[in-house]
Amino acid sequence: MSFVLGSKILLLTLSCFIPKQADLTFNEAKDQIVNQYKLHNAEKDLGIKTTNLEISENGFIRYRKTDSNNRSEYYSVKLSELKDACYLGDEKAGWLLLKFTAEAVIYQTYNDKAGNVDEMLAEISIPLKNINVDDINSLCSAINTLKQFDFKL
């Protein structure tokens, strides 16, 4: 049984390394990523009250989530720092992992009872649910497309 599950996870993990299937414009790729995120967002199941994923025209990914205690987490990173993207999980639930160069992601917390955090990370993990292999491939293809754009500030 665990071998079958492991095979599924491996299959879905490797699907992020597929080549770009169609030439998408920046806006098409951005919209595809944001729409897949909204469609398969699993954060409400994890106690998150509000979320937002944004990809700006000048090449920044901004991801914010706020839990029921009003503790907010904020991530910001330049798309040009993206090194790898993969999905770990199965069709029921998993994580989209966006991996960047070391200390490229600005991570901040607000309203944290343990104290606010301001640090640099190398990864953003986004929970997803009820996502089929075609949607994962579409998401990864759009991410690969965005990686090819050269953003100037």
C-alpha atoms as a PDB file:
ATOM      1  CA  MET A   1       0.000   0.000   0.000  1.00  0.00           C
ATOM      2  CA  SER A   2       2.721   2.487   0.903  1.00  0.00           C
ATOM      3  CA  PHE A   3       4.511   1.716  -2.374  1.00  0.00           C
ATOM      4  CA  VAL A   4       1.403   2.695  -4.345  1.00  0.00           C
ATOM      5  CA  LEU A   5       1.040   5.941  -2.413  1.00  0.00           C
ATOM      6  CA  GLY A   6       4.760   6.610  -2.789  1.00  0.00           C
ATOM      7  CA  SER A   7       4.479   6.091  -6.533  1.00  0.00           C
ATOM      8  CA  LYS A   8       1.633   8.566  -6.707  1.00  0.00           C
ATOM      9  CA  ILE A   9       3.574  11.181  -4.781  1.00  0.00           C
ATOM     10  CA  LEU A  10       6.643  10.639  -6.928  1.00  0.00           C
ATOM     11  CA  LEU A  11       4.582  10.881 -10.116  1.00  0.00           C
ATOM     12  CA  LEU A  12       3.030  14.168  -9.047  1.00  0.00           C
ATOM     13  CA  THR A  13       6.361  15.515  -7.830  1.00  0.00           C
ATOM     14  CA  LEU A  14       8.046  14.815 -11.146  1.00  0.00           C
ATOM     15  CA  SER A  15       5.196  16.370 -13.115  1.00  0.00           C
ATOM     16  CA  CYS A  16       6.549  19.828 -12.280  1.00  0.00           C
ATOM     17  CA  PHE A  17       9.592  19.189 -14.430  1.00  0.00           C
ATOM     18  CA  ILE A  18       7.613  18.857 -17.661  1.00  0.00           C
ATOM     19  CA  PRO A  19       8.636  21.107 -20.518  1.00  0.00           C
ATOM     20  CA  LYS A  20       6.548  24.130 -21.399  1.00  0.00           C
ATOM     21  CA  GLN A  21       3.640  22.850 -23.515  1.00  0.00           C
ATOM     22  CA  ALA A  22       2.456  26.066 -25.125  1.00  0.00           C
ATOM     23  CA  ASP A  23       3.726  29.600 -25.430  1.00  0.00           C
ATOM     24  CA  LEU A  24       1.786  31.676 -22.948  1.00  0.00           C
ATOM     25  CA  THR A  25       2.018  35.418 -22.498  1.00  0.00           C
ATOM     26  CA  PHE A  26       3.042  36.746 -19.087  1.00  0.00           C
ATOM     27  CA  ASN A  27      -0.555  37.646 -18.220  1.00  0.00           C
ATOM     28  CA  GLU A  28      -1.907  34.261 -19.354  1.00  0.00           C
ATOM     29  CA  ALA A  29       0.672  32.408 -17.259  1.00  0.00           C
ATOM     30  CA  LYS A  30       0.100  34.685 -14.251  1.00  0.00           C
ATOM     31  CA  ASP A  31      -3.684  34.290 -14.498  1.00  0.00           C
ATOM     32  CA  GLN A  32      -3.365  30.530 -14.857  1.00  0.00           C
ATOM     33  CA  ILE A  33      -1.273  30.281 -11.670  1.00  0.00           C
ATOM     34  CA  VAL A  34      -3.549  32.557  -9.633  1.00  0.00           C
ATOM     35  CA  ASN A  35      -6.698  30.801 -10.902  1.00  0.00           C
ATOM     36  CA  GLN A  36      -5.322  27.329 -10.083  1.00  0.00           C
ATOM     37  CA  TYR A  37      -4.374  28.621  -6.639  1.00  0.00           C
ATOM     38  CA  LYS A  38      -7.874  29.978  -6.011  1.00  0.00           C
ATOM     39  CA  LEU A  39      -9.538  26.825  -7.341  1.00  0.00           C
ATOM     40  CA  HIS A  40      -7.436  24.418  -5.251  1.00  0.00           C
ATOM     41  CA  ASN A  41      -6.675  26.579  -2.189  1.00  0.00           C
ATOM     42  CA  ALA A  42      -6.443  24.364   0.918  1.00  0.00           C
ATOM     43  CA  GLU A  43      -5.640  27.053   3.463  1.00  0.00           C
ATOM     44  CA  LYS A  44      -9.165  27.386   4.856  1.00  0.00           C
ATOM     45  CA  ASP A  45      -8.892  23.703   5.866  1.00  0.00           C
ATOM     46  CA  LEU A  46      -5.747  24.637   7.834  1.00  0.00           C
ATOM     47  CA  GLY A  47      -7.405  27.435   9.828  1.00  0.00           C
ATOM     48  CA  ILE A  48      -6.395  30.312   7.566  1.00  0.00           C
ATOM     49  CA  LYS A  49      -8.995  33.104   7.398  1.00  0.00           C
ATOM     50  CA  THR A  50      -7.792  35.044   4.348  1.00  0.00           C
ATOM     51  CA  THR A  51      -5.185  34.487   1.653  1.00  0.00           C
ATOM     52  CA  ASN A  52      -3.849  36.296  -1.358  1.00  0.00           C
ATOM     53  CA  LEU A  53      -1.415  35.284  -4.083  1.00  0.00           C
ATOM     54  CA  GLU A  54      -0.283  38.016  -6.437  1.00  0.00           C
ATOM     55  CA  ILE A  55       2.233  38.112  -9.266  1.00  0.00           C
ATOM     56  CA  SER A  56       3.082  41.674 -10.232  1.00  0.00           C
ATOM     57  CA  GLU A  57       3.873  43.030 -13.673  1.00  0.00           C
ATOM     58  CA  ASN A  58       7.434  43.798 -12.569  1.00  0.00           C
ATOM     59  CA  GLY A  59       8.072  40.169 -11.591  1.00  0.00           C
ATOM     60  CA  PHE A  60       7.349  39.876  -7.868  1.00  0.00           C
ATOM     61  CA  ILE A  61       5.459  37.075  -6.161  1.00  0.00           C
ATOM     62  CA  ARG A  62       3.571  38.268  -3.092  1.00  0.00           C
ATOM     63  CA  TYR A  63       1.787  35.764  -0.890  1.00  0.00           C
ATOM     64  CA  ARG A  64      -0.103  36.668   2.269  1.00  0.00           C
ATOM     65  CA  LYS A  65      -2.211  34.643   4.674  1.00  0.00           C
ATOM     66  CA  THR A  66      -3.990  35.580   7.897  1.00  0.00           C
ATOM     67  CA  ASP A  67      -5.224  33.050  10.454  1.00  0.00           C
ATOM     68  CA  SER A  68      -8.266  33.244  12.741  1.00  0.00           C
ATOM     69  CA  ASN A  69      -6.155  34.989  15.432  1.00  0.00           C
ATOM     70  CA  ASN A  70      -5.248  37.752  12.925  1.00  0.00           C
ATOM     71  CA  ARG A  71      -1.633  36.565  12.738  1.00  0.00           C
ATOM     72  CA  SER A  72      -0.421  37.395   9.232  1.00  0.00           C
ATOM     73  CA  GLU A  73       2.397  35.866   7.227  1.00  0.00           C
ATOM     74  CA  TYR A  74       3.764  37.729   4.233  1.00  0.00           C
ATOM     75  CA  TYR A  75       6.186  36.455   1.577  1.00  0.00           C
ATOM     76  CA  SER A  76       7.708  38.535  -1.201  1.00  0.00           C
ATOM     77  CA  VAL A  77      10.284  37.485  -3.780  1.00  0.00           C
ATOM     78  CA  LYS A  78      11.468  38.364  -7.268  1.00  0.00           C
ATOM     79  CA  LEU A  79      10.489  35.766  -9.900  1.00  0.00           C
ATOM     80  CA  SER A  80      14.017  35.835 -11.311  1.00  0.00           C
ATOM     81  CA  GLU A  81      15.159  34.140  -8.059  1.00  0.00           C
ATOM     82  CA  LEU A  82      12.944  31.086  -8.741  1.00  0.00           C
ATOM     83  CA  LYS A  83      15.094  27.968  -9.106  1.00  0.00           C
ATOM     84  CA  ASP A  84      12.565  25.148  -8.974  1.00  0.00           C
ATOM     85  CA  ALA A  85       8.900  24.378  -8.470  1.00  0.00           C
ATOM     86  CA  CYS A  86       7.334  21.061  -7.604  1.00  0.00           C
ATOM     87  CA  TYR A  87       4.196  19.561  -6.149  1.00  0.00           C
ATOM     88  CA  LEU A  88       4.475  17.122  -3.253  1.00  0.00           C
ATOM     89  CA  GLY A  89       1.334  15.150  -2.521  1.00  0.00           C
ATOM     90  CA  ASP A  90      -1.436  13.398  -4.339  1.00  0.00           C
ATOM     91  CA  GLU A  91      -4.668  14.474  -6.001  1.00  0.00           C
ATOM     92  CA  LYS A  92      -6.435  14.898  -2.638  1.00  0.00           C
ATOM     93  CA  ALA A  93      -3.936  17.258  -1.030  1.00  0.00           C
ATOM     94  CA  GLY A  94      -0.350  18.413  -1.170  1.00  0.00           C
ATOM     95  CA  TRP A  95       2.038  21.345  -1.297  1.00  0.00           C
ATOM     96  CA  LEU A  96       3.251  23.492  -4.157  1.00  0.00           C
ATOM     97  CA  LEU A  97       6.883  24.186  -3.274  1.00  0.00           C
ATOM     98  CA  LEU A  98       8.492  27.214  -4.851  1.00  0.00           C
ATOM     99  CA  LYS A  99      12.252  27.082  -4.295  1.00  0.00           C
ATOM    100  CA  PHE A 100      14.417  30.154  -4.671  1.00  0.00           C
ATOM    101  CA  THR A 101      18.053  31.063  -4.256  1.00  0.00           C
ATOM    102  CA  ALA A 102      19.231  31.173  -0.640  1.00  0.00           C
ATOM    103  CA  GLU A 103      17.711  34.011   1.378  1.00  0.00           C
ATOM    104  CA  ALA A 104      15.791  35.450  -1.588  1.00  0.00           C
ATOM    105  CA  VAL A 105      12.314  35.382  -0.003  1.00  0.00           C
ATOM    106  CA  ILE A 106      11.340  38.155   2.391  1.00  0.00           C
ATOM    107  CA  TYR A 107       9.244  36.587   5.155  1.00  0.00           C
ATOM    108  CA  GLN A 108       7.427  38.697   7.742  1.00  0.00           C
ATOM    109  CA  THR A 109       4.825  38.021  10.398  1.00  0.00           C
ATOM    110  CA  TYR A 110       2.473  40.527  11.990  1.00  0.00           C
ATOM    111  CA  ASN A 111       0.334  40.266  15.131  1.00  0.00           C
ATOM    112  CA  ASP A 112       2.278  37.208  16.257  1.00  0.00           C
ATOM    113  CA  LYS A 113       1.908  36.573  20.007  1.00  0.00           C
ATOM    114  CA  ALA A 114       5.424  35.093  20.077  1.00  0.00           C
ATOM    115  CA  GLY A 115       6.818  38.229  18.449  1.00  0.00           C
ATOM    116  CA  ASN A 116       6.890  39.400  14.890  1.00  0.00           C
ATOM    117  CA  VAL A 117       9.417  37.810  12.552  1.00  0.00           C
ATOM    118  CA  ASP A 118      11.378  39.424   9.751  1.00  0.00           C
ATOM    119  CA  GLU A 119      13.735  37.029   8.007  1.00  0.00           C
ATOM    120  CA  MET A 120      14.945  35.704   4.665  1.00  0.00           C
ATOM    121  CA  LEU A 121      13.949  32.254   3.355  1.00  0.00           C
ATOM    122  CA  ALA A 122      14.610  30.104   0.298  1.00  0.00           C
ATOM    123  CA  GLU A 123      11.187  28.461  -0.114  1.00  0.00           C
ATOM    124  CA  ILE A 124       7.463  29.122  -0.133  1.00  0.00           C
ATOM    125  CA  SER A 125       5.072  26.219   0.534  1.00  0.00           C
ATOM    126  CA  ILE A 126       1.490  26.635  -0.644  1.00  0.00           C
ATOM    127  CA  PRO A 127      -1.111  24.012   0.358  1.00  0.00           C
ATOM    128  CA  LEU A 128      -3.428  22.768  -2.390  1.00  0.00           C
ATOM    129  CA  LYS A 129      -6.287  20.257  -2.458  1.00  0.00           C
ATOM    130  CA  ASN A 130      -8.429  18.384  -4.966  1.00  0.00           C
ATOM    131  CA  ILE A 131      -5.986  19.022  -7.809  1.00  0.00           C
ATOM    132  CA  ASN A 132      -5.707  16.559 -10.683  1.00  0.00           C
ATOM    133  CA  VAL A 133      -2.597  15.759 -12.659  1.00  0.00           C
ATOM    134  CA  ASP A 134      -3.683  17.923 -15.619  1.00  0.00           C
ATOM    135  CA  ASP A 135      -4.092  20.945 -13.326  1.00  0.00           C
ATOM    136  CA  ILE A 136      -0.683  20.293 -11.752  1.00  0.00           C
ATOM    137  CA  ASN A 137       0.882  20.093 -15.207  1.00  0.00           C
ATOM    138  CA  SER A 138      -0.890  23.299 -16.231  1.00  0.00           C
ATOM    139  CA  LEU A 139       0.312  25.051 -13.083  1.00  0.00           C
ATOM    140  CA  CYS A 140       3.906  23.882 -13.561  1.00  0.00           C
ATOM    141  CA  SER A 141       3.878  24.834 -17.233  1.00  0.00           C
ATOM    142  CA  ALA A 142       2.709  28.352 -16.334  1.00  0.00           C
ATOM    143  CA  ILE A 143       5.429  28.620 -13.665  1.00  0.00           C
ATOM    144  CA  ASN A 144       8.052  27.507 -16.204  1.00  0.00           C
ATOM    145  CA  THR A 145       6.748  30.155 -18.596  1.00  0.00           C
ATOM    146  CA  LEU A 146       7.101  32.919 -15.996  1.00  0.00           C
ATOM    147  CA  LYS A 147      10.663  31.822 -15.230  1.00  0.00           C
ATOM    148  CA  GLN A 148      11.602  32.697 -18.811  1.00  0.00           C
ATOM    149  CA  PHE A 149      10.638  36.372 -18.619  1.00  0.00           C
ATOM    150  CA  ASP A 150      13.344  38.928 -17.961  1.00  0.00           C
ATOM    151  CA  PHE A 151      11.987  41.486 -15.497  1.00  0.00           C
ATOM    152  CA  LYS A 152      13.546  44.918 -15.273  1.00  0.00           C
ATOM    153  CA  LEU A 153      12.806  47.286 -12.404  1.00  0.00           C
END
